[in-house]
Amino acid sequence: VVSTQSTGEISANLKRFRDKCELDPHIVQIKSKLHLTIGVLKCFSQDEVKKASEVLTSFASKIAYLKRGKPLRAEMRGLEIMNDDPSAANVLYAEVHLSD
């Protein structure tokens, strides 16, 4: 989560990442838009949307319990694009591996 406490560390890590990978700074997302995608759902009706919302809401307490007030630590490995044609890609992402 991007917060006032993590902003400096995230900015420094993004710059280090861009520099190390020799990436154009414009293709790396700004820190305020960084996020972790838990999953992608296709809901074909309002009932499915409602059910998905209920299930996801129920996860909040489980995640809080697992974290026990500690930051969620994750390691990102590799880079992927969200397109079969690299010249048309506009999403760059890394696989996330949760740490203990």
Protein backbone atom coordinates (compact mmCIF):
# COMPACT_ATOMS: atom_id res chain seq x y z
CA VAL A 1 0.00 0.00 0.00
CA VAL A 2 1.29 3.40 -0.88
CA SER A 3 1.15 5.57 2.22
CA THR A 4 2.94 8.59 3.60
CA GLN A 5 5.28 6.22 5.43
CA SER A 6 6.19 4.20 2.33
CA THR A 7 6.32 6.94 -0.32
CA GLY A 8 10.08 7.64 -0.07
CA GLU A 9 11.02 3.96 -0.12
CA ILE A 10 8.71 3.24 -3.06
CA SER A 11 10.04 6.21 -5.05
CA ALA A 12 13.64 5.13 -4.45
CA ASN A 13 12.90 1.52 -5.40
CA LEU A 14 11.07 2.54 -8.57
CA LYS A 15 13.99 4.73 -9.64
CA ARG A 16 16.48 1.93 -8.87
CA PHE A 17 14.31 -0.50 -10.86
CA ARG A 18 14.05 1.85 -13.88
CA ASP A 19 17.79 2.53 -13.82
CA LYS A 20 18.80 -1.12 -13.42
CA CYS A 21 16.50 -2.29 -16.22
CA GLU A 22 17.33 0.74 -18.39
CA LEU A 23 13.62 1.46 -18.86
CA ASP A 24 12.17 4.65 -20.20
CA PRO A 25 10.73 6.35 -17.09
CA HIS A 26 7.45 6.96 -18.95
CA ILE A 27 6.61 3.25 -19.12
CA VAL A 28 6.86 2.69 -15.36
CA GLN A 29 3.64 3.55 -13.53
CA ILE A 30 3.62 6.43 -11.07
CA LYS A 31 3.64 5.32 -7.43
CA SER A 32 0.13 6.55 -6.68
CA LYS A 33 -1.25 4.12 -9.27
CA LEU A 34 0.70 1.05 -8.17
CA HIS A 35 -1.51 -1.79 -7.03
CA LEU A 36 -1.60 -5.50 -6.43
CA THR A 37 -4.19 -7.35 -8.50
CA ILE A 38 -5.56 -10.20 -6.40
CA GLY A 39 -7.64 -11.67 -9.19
CA VAL A 40 -9.77 -10.88 -12.20
CA LEU A 41 -13.46 -11.73 -12.16
CA LYS A 42 -15.98 -11.90 -14.99
CA CYS A 43 -19.47 -11.27 -13.67
CA PHE A 44 -22.26 -11.71 -16.19
CA SER A 45 -25.20 -10.62 -14.03
CA GLN A 46 -25.99 -8.38 -11.08
CA ASP A 47 -26.40 -11.53 -8.95
CA GLU A 48 -22.84 -12.58 -9.80
CA VAL A 49 -21.57 -9.07 -9.00
CA LYS A 50 -23.35 -9.17 -5.64
CA LYS A 51 -21.99 -12.63 -4.80
CA ALA A 52 -18.44 -11.63 -5.82
CA SER A 53 -18.70 -8.49 -3.69
CA GLU A 54 -19.81 -10.52 -0.67
CA VAL A 55 -16.98 -13.04 -1.09
CA LEU A 56 -14.32 -10.34 -1.51
CA THR A 57 -15.66 -8.40 1.48
CA SER A 58 -15.42 -11.54 3.60
CA PHE A 59 -11.70 -11.76 2.77
CA ALA A 60 -10.92 -8.45 4.48
CA SER A 61 -11.06 -9.87 7.99
CA LYS A 62 -9.11 -12.98 6.96
CA ILE A 63 -6.34 -10.90 5.42
CA ALA A 64 -6.17 -8.63 8.48
CA TYR A 65 -5.90 -11.73 10.70
CA LEU A 66 -3.11 -13.23 8.57
CA LYS A 67 -1.15 -9.98 8.56
CA ARG A 68 -1.65 -9.43 12.33
CA GLY A 69 -0.95 -5.73 11.90
CA LYS A 70 2.31 -6.31 10.01
CA PRO A 71 3.04 -4.98 6.52
CA LEU A 72 2.39 -7.40 3.69
CA ARG A 73 5.78 -8.32 2.25
CA ALA A 74 6.05 -9.51 -1.34
CA GLU A 75 8.81 -10.17 -3.82
CA MET A 76 8.32 -9.31 -7.47
CA ARG A 77 10.06 -11.53 -10.03
CA GLY A 78 10.33 -11.11 -13.76
CA LEU A 79 8.60 -8.70 -16.09
CA GLU A 80 5.69 -9.48 -18.34
CA ILE A 81 3.55 -7.49 -20.74
CA MET A 82 -0.20 -7.69 -21.08
CA ASN A 83 -0.32 -8.16 -24.85
CA ASP A 84 0.82 -10.75 -27.37
CA ASP A 85 2.42 -8.00 -29.46
CA PRO A 86 5.19 -6.21 -27.52
CA SER A 87 4.96 -3.15 -29.76
CA ALA A 88 1.30 -2.69 -28.75
CA ALA A 89 1.77 -3.40 -25.03
CA ASN A 90 0.76 -0.72 -22.56
CA VAL A 91 0.85 -2.75 -19.34
CA LEU A 92 4.09 -3.91 -17.73
CA TYR A 93 3.81 -6.14 -14.66
CA ALA A 94 5.80 -8.46 -12.45
CA GLU A 95 4.73 -11.70 -10.81
CA VAL A 96 4.27 -11.33 -7.08
CA HIS A 97 5.45 -13.96 -4.63
CA LEU A 98 4.31 -13.41 -1.05
CA SER A 99 6.97 -13.70 1.63
CA ASP A 100 6.41 -15.30 5.02
